Amino acid sequence: MDKGRHGSPTLPVFLPGQRRPSVPAADDEVIREDFARYYQQHMPKLIRFVMRYGADPYEAADAAQAAFIEAFRAWHLIHSPAAWLRKVAFRQYLRQAPIPQEELTDDVPDRPAFSCPLDKVVLQEEEKRVYTALAQLPMKQRQVMAWHLDGFPTSEIATELGMQPHAVRQNLSRARAQLKELLGLTSGGAQ
């Protein structure tokens, strides 16, 4: 496997019709089970991660689902799934085009008929305030803060985002200060 710009593993790029490395049949079932477990445990976390960029829950779920679809195709090649999925989900979110407004002819169902990952991503009022404030940050600060809130250390954030560690720390510091102000938590406006 090739190393990326900062030494982290990158996935090979396959063109349409190009042969991909195969997985032995005996390992295929193990890989599927591993993927299914990972999906169940981490899908809600990935949705929340994308929401920290300003996505609404449905946009975030779409981006996270698209990232997991890409991950499934190369699951046996991914060595750091948490970071890989976040990068892909963020790109998917950025690619989402605004949906044109259509006139509905039927009633929209309240809930999908299947089990929806959004059921596990119920935000409390305080969380909604934080997500609204996060959406007001500049993109780089929002990006660094989203990774930080998911528990990634500064050094790994720097590697995954192609930044210098001091730039990550600086963006985190600025994001925290702006979030305190937006949420009214500064010394003069503490709630």
Protein backbone atom coordinates (compact mmCIF):
# COMPACT_ATOMS: atom_id res chain seq x y z
CA MET A 1 0.00 0.00 0.00
CA ASP A 2 1.28 3.46 -0.86
CA LYS A 3 1.88 6.13 1.73
CA GLY A 4 0.11 9.45 1.36
CA ARG A 5 1.63 12.90 1.53
CA HIS A 6 2.11 12.69 5.29
CA GLY A 7 2.95 9.01 5.65
CA SER A 8 -0.60 7.81 6.22
CA PRO A 9 -1.80 4.90 4.10
CA THR A 10 -3.80 5.76 1.02
CA LEU A 11 -6.10 3.53 -0.96
CA PRO A 12 -5.15 2.65 -4.49
CA VAL A 13 -7.21 4.31 -7.18
CA PHE A 14 -8.93 1.95 -9.60
CA LEU A 15 -10.28 3.07 -12.94
CA PRO A 16 -13.55 1.63 -14.27
CA GLY A 17 -12.89 -1.80 -15.70
CA GLN A 18 -9.50 -2.09 -13.98
CA ARG A 19 -8.96 -5.32 -12.06
CA ARG A 20 -8.97 -4.97 -8.28
CA PRO A 21 -7.17 -7.23 -5.83
CA SER A 22 -9.43 -10.07 -4.80
CA VAL A 23 -10.19 -11.27 -1.30
CA PRO A 24 -9.97 -15.01 -0.63
CA ALA A 25 -13.47 -16.49 -0.30
CA ALA A 26 -12.73 -17.78 3.22
CA ASP A 27 -11.90 -14.26 4.38
CA ASP A 28 -14.90 -12.68 2.65
CA GLU A 29 -17.40 -13.66 5.36
CA VAL A 30 -15.07 -12.48 8.14
CA ILE A 31 -14.64 -9.14 6.38
CA ARG A 32 -18.42 -8.75 5.94
CA GLU A 33 -19.03 -9.50 9.63
CA ASP A 34 -16.29 -7.09 10.70
CA PHE A 35 -17.74 -4.40 8.43
CA ALA A 36 -21.29 -4.96 9.72
CA ARG A 37 -20.15 -4.66 13.35
CA TYR A 38 -18.18 -1.52 12.57
CA TYR A 39 -21.13 -0.01 10.71
CA GLN A 40 -23.52 -0.63 13.61
CA GLN A 41 -21.13 0.87 16.18
CA HIS A 42 -19.85 3.85 14.19
CA MET A 43 -22.58 5.03 11.81
CA PRO A 44 -24.24 7.34 14.39
CA LYS A 45 -20.84 8.81 15.30
CA LEU A 46 -20.07 9.47 11.64
CA ILE A 47 -23.45 11.20 11.16
CA ARG A 48 -22.73 13.46 14.15
CA PHE A 49 -19.27 14.18 12.73
CA VAL A 50 -20.75 15.40 9.44
CA MET A 51 -23.40 17.40 11.31
CA ARG A 52 -20.58 19.31 13.00
CA TYR A 53 -19.77 20.74 9.56
CA GLY A 54 -23.24 22.28 9.39
CA ALA A 55 -25.13 19.48 7.66
CA ASP A 56 -28.68 18.76 8.71
CA PRO A 57 -29.27 15.20 9.96
CA TYR A 58 -30.48 13.94 6.57
CA GLU A 59 -27.56 15.44 4.64
CA ALA A 60 -25.19 13.99 7.23
CA ALA A 61 -26.80 10.55 7.02
CA ASP A 62 -26.56 10.60 3.22
CA ALA A 63 -22.88 11.56 3.34
CA ALA A 64 -22.11 8.97 6.01
CA GLN A 65 -23.97 6.25 4.11
CA ALA A 66 -22.09 7.08 0.90
CA ALA A 67 -18.79 6.90 2.81
CA PHE A 68 -19.68 3.48 4.22
CA ILE A 69 -20.62 2.25 0.73
CA GLU A 70 -17.18 3.27 -0.53
CA ALA A 71 -15.57 1.70 2.53
CA PHE A 72 -17.36 -1.61 1.98
CA ARG A 73 -15.85 -1.92 -1.48
CA ALA A 74 -12.31 -1.65 -0.08
CA TRP A 75 -12.77 -2.68 3.56
CA HIS A 76 -9.92 -5.19 3.45
CA LEU A 77 -7.53 -2.40 2.34
CA ILE A 78 -8.45 0.25 4.93
CA HIS A 79 -6.14 0.34 7.94
CA SER A 80 -7.58 3.34 9.79
CA PRO A 81 -11.33 3.20 9.16
CA ALA A 82 -12.33 6.00 11.55
CA ALA A 83 -10.12 8.57 9.84
CA TRP A 84 -10.77 7.23 6.34
CA LEU A 85 -14.54 7.34 6.76
CA ARG A 86 -14.45 10.89 8.13
CA LYS A 87 -12.43 12.14 5.17
CA VAL A 88 -14.73 10.44 2.66
CA ALA A 89 -17.93 11.50 4.46
CA PHE A 90 -16.75 15.11 4.52
CA ARG A 91 -16.03 14.99 0.77
CA GLN A 92 -19.44 13.44 0.15
CA TYR A 93 -21.10 16.21 2.15
CA LEU A 94 -19.30 18.85 0.09
CA ARG A 95 -20.42 17.15 -3.14
CA GLN A 96 -24.09 17.14 -2.21
CA ALA A 97 -25.93 19.51 -4.47
CA PRO A 98 -28.91 21.45 -3.17
CA ILE A 99 -32.10 19.57 -3.90
CA PRO A 100 -34.49 21.55 -6.08
CA GLN A 101 -37.82 22.24 -4.47
CA GLU A 102 -40.52 19.97 -5.86
CA GLU A 103 -44.21 20.03 -5.34
CA LEU A 104 -45.22 16.93 -3.43
CA THR A 105 -48.24 15.02 -4.67
CA ASP A 106 -48.60 12.61 -1.76
CA ASP A 107 -48.19 12.87 1.99
CA VAL A 108 -44.63 12.37 3.17
CA PRO A 109 -44.35 9.52 5.69
CA ASP A 110 -43.29 10.55 9.18
CA ARG A 111 -40.61 7.87 9.34
CA PRO A 112 -38.98 5.50 6.91
CA ALA A 113 -40.29 1.94 7.02
CA PHE A 114 -36.81 0.50 7.68
CA SER A 115 -34.40 1.01 10.55
CA CYS A 116 -32.83 4.39 10.02
CA PRO A 117 -29.44 5.32 11.53
CA LEU A 118 -30.88 8.74 12.32
CA ASP A 119 -32.93 7.09 15.08
CA LYS A 120 -29.65 6.84 17.03
CA VAL A 121 -28.74 10.50 16.45
CA VAL A 122 -31.26 12.38 18.55
CA LEU A 123 -29.92 15.77 19.59
CA GLN A 124 -30.86 17.46 22.84
CA GLU A 125 -31.54 21.23 22.83
CA GLU A 126 -28.06 22.07 24.12
CA GLU A 127 -26.47 19.93 21.40
CA LYS A 128 -28.57 21.70 18.78
CA ARG A 129 -27.24 25.05 20.03
CA VAL A 130 -23.66 23.76 19.79
CA TYR A 131 -24.18 22.39 16.26
CA THR A 132 -25.73 25.69 15.16
CA ALA A 133 -22.72 27.55 16.59
CA LEU A 134 -20.30 25.11 14.93
CA ALA A 135 -21.96 25.81 11.57
CA GLN A 136 -21.07 29.50 11.97
CA LEU A 137 -17.32 28.84 12.29
CA PRO A 138 -15.00 29.22 9.30
CA MET A 139 -14.62 25.89 7.47
CA LYS A 140 -11.06 25.11 8.63
CA GLN A 141 -11.98 25.72 12.29
CA ARG A 142 -15.15 23.67 11.88
CA GLN A 143 -13.15 20.85 10.28
CA VAL A 144 -10.51 20.75 13.00
CA MET A 145 -13.16 20.98 15.75
CA ALA A 146 -15.20 18.13 14.23
CA TRP A 147 -12.15 15.83 14.30
CA HIS A 148 -11.26 16.99 17.83
CA LEU A 149 -14.76 16.35 19.14
CA ASP A 150 -14.53 12.82 17.73
CA GLY A 151 -11.51 12.21 19.96
CA PHE A 152 -8.66 12.44 17.46
CA PRO A 153 -5.36 13.80 18.85
CA THR A 154 -3.87 16.95 17.34
CA SER A 155 -1.06 15.04 15.63
CA GLU A 156 -3.47 12.69 13.84
CA ILE A 157 -5.76 15.58 12.84
CA ALA A 158 -2.74 17.31 11.33
CA THR A 159 -1.75 14.18 9.41
CA GLU A 160 -5.25 13.42 8.11
CA LEU A 161 -6.01 17.01 7.08
CA GLY A 162 -2.56 17.72 5.65
CA MET A 163 -1.85 20.51 8.14
CA GLN A 164 0.98 21.35 10.50
CA PRO A 165 0.28 20.46 14.17
CA HIS A 166 0.69 24.10 15.24
CA ALA A 167 -1.95 25.12 12.64
CA VAL A 168 -4.35 22.54 14.10
CA ARG A 169 -3.76 23.85 17.63
CA GLN A 170 -4.23 27.44 16.44
CA ASN A 171 -7.50 26.59 14.67
CA LEU A 172 -8.73 24.70 17.73
CA SER A 173 -7.93 27.66 19.96
CA ARG A 174 -9.71 30.09 17.67
CA ALA A 175 -12.69 27.76 17.29
CA ARG A 176 -13.03 27.35 21.06
CA ALA A 177 -12.89 31.11 21.61
CA GLN A 178 -15.48 31.77 18.92
CA LEU A 179 -17.75 28.97 20.19
CA LYS A 180 -17.61 30.43 23.72
CA GLU A 181 -18.66 33.77 22.31
CA LEU A 182 -21.41 32.32 20.09
CA LEU A 183 -22.78 30.25 22.95
CA GLY A 184 -22.63 33.13 25.42
CA LEU A 185 -20.06 31.45 27.64
CA THR A 186 -17.59 34.33 27.80
CA SER A 187 -16.84 35.82 31.21
CA GLY A 188 -19.32 38.66 30.67
CA GLY A 189 -22.12 36.51 29.25
CA ALA A 190 -21.94 33.19 31.08
CA GLN A 191 -25.29 31.50 31.34
